[in-house]
Amino acid sequence: MDLLGALSSDQQGPDIPPCSRKGCTAHAAWQVKWNNPKIHNPERRKVWLACDDHREWLENFLKARLFWRSTEPMNTPAGEAEARL
């Protein structure tokens, strides 16, 4: 794989991004928002994308570590989703 060539190409990413679960190539349907309070500001949100099959797994992984903050559908407008945080 040519990483440097991929960085300089004009190719766009997929229209529907894939799930963040390792090895999953399904289309993401959810934004699982989280932060690590030990290293992130309280307002900061990191986002993992989840398909329907892995949403609960990713939420449980984050909840066990007290990192989970919210889960939003992918089609929620950014401003609307941020207003609910």
Protein backbone atom coordinates (compact mmCIF):
# COMPACT_ATOMS: atom_id res chain seq x y z
CA MET A 1 0.00 0.00 0.00
CA ASP A 2 1.29 3.45 -0.92
CA LEU A 3 0.46 5.60 2.12
CA LEU A 4 2.12 8.75 0.81
CA GLY A 5 0.39 8.39 -2.53
CA ALA A 6 -2.95 7.90 -0.78
CA LEU A 7 -2.45 11.11 1.20
CA SER A 8 -1.82 13.15 -1.92
CA SER A 9 -4.62 11.66 -4.04
CA ASP A 10 -7.84 13.47 -4.85
CA GLN A 11 -9.96 10.48 -3.89
CA GLN A 12 -12.79 11.17 -1.49
CA GLY A 13 -13.71 8.90 1.39
CA PRO A 14 -16.86 6.79 1.37
CA ASP A 15 -20.23 8.57 1.36
CA ILE A 16 -21.28 6.48 4.34
CA PRO A 17 -18.34 5.85 6.68
CA PRO A 18 -17.78 2.38 8.14
CA CYS A 19 -18.34 1.24 11.71
CA SER A 20 -15.42 1.86 14.11
CA ARG A 21 -15.53 -1.68 15.55
CA LYS A 22 -12.33 -3.48 14.59
CA GLY A 23 -12.81 -5.57 11.47
CA CYS A 24 -16.33 -4.31 10.74
CA THR A 25 -16.99 -2.86 7.29
CA ALA A 26 -20.72 -2.24 7.72
CA HIS A 27 -22.08 1.26 7.19
CA ALA A 28 -22.24 3.36 10.34
CA ALA A 29 -25.68 4.41 11.53
CA TRP A 30 -24.73 5.91 14.91
CA GLN A 31 -22.28 8.39 16.43
CA VAL A 32 -21.15 7.16 19.84
CA LYS A 33 -19.76 10.24 21.59
CA TRP A 34 -17.30 9.95 24.43
CA ASN A 35 -14.38 11.53 26.26
CA ASN A 36 -11.78 10.48 28.78
CA PRO A 37 -12.18 12.90 31.72
CA LYS A 38 -8.58 12.29 32.80
CA ILE A 39 -7.16 13.74 29.57
CA HIS A 40 -9.98 15.65 27.77
CA ASN A 41 -11.77 18.86 28.63
CA PRO A 42 -15.36 18.19 29.81
CA GLU A 43 -16.78 19.77 26.62
CA ARG A 44 -14.66 17.71 24.25
CA ARG A 45 -16.33 14.84 22.43
CA LYS A 46 -14.56 12.09 20.54
CA VAL A 47 -16.73 10.09 18.16
CA TRP A 48 -16.79 6.43 17.27
CA LEU A 49 -19.09 5.38 14.47
CA ALA A 50 -21.26 2.31 14.97
CA CYS A 51 -23.39 0.06 12.81
CA ASP A 52 -26.62 -1.32 14.30
CA ASP A 53 -24.89 -4.59 15.24
CA HIS A 54 -22.03 -2.94 17.18
CA ARG A 55 -23.72 0.09 18.76
CA GLU A 56 -24.44 -1.65 22.06
CA TRP A 57 -20.97 -3.26 22.21
CA LEU A 58 -19.21 0.10 21.72
CA GLU A 59 -21.50 1.85 24.24
CA ASN A 60 -20.90 -0.87 26.84
CA PHE A 61 -17.13 -0.71 26.27
CA LEU A 62 -17.17 3.05 26.92
CA LYS A 63 -19.67 2.89 29.79
CA ALA A 64 -17.48 0.36 31.63
CA ARG A 65 -14.70 2.97 31.59
CA LEU A 66 -17.05 5.92 32.37
CA PHE A 67 -16.19 7.48 28.96
CA TRP A 68 -19.61 7.28 27.21
CA ARG A 69 -21.47 10.60 26.87
CA SER A 70 -24.22 10.12 24.25
CA THR A 71 -25.27 8.26 21.12
CA GLU A 72 -26.77 10.12 18.16
CA PRO A 73 -28.06 8.88 14.80
CA MET A 74 -25.75 9.62 11.87
CA ASN A 75 -28.37 11.77 10.13
CA THR A 76 -28.67 14.25 13.01
CA PRO A 77 -27.45 17.71 11.90
CA ALA A 78 -24.20 18.62 13.68
CA GLY A 79 -25.57 21.77 15.31
CA GLU A 80 -28.63 19.96 16.62
CA ALA A 81 -26.55 17.13 18.08
CA GLU A 82 -24.09 19.51 19.74
CA ALA A 83 -26.93 21.52 21.29
CA ARG A 84 -28.06 18.40 23.21
CA LEU A 85 -24.64 17.67 24.74
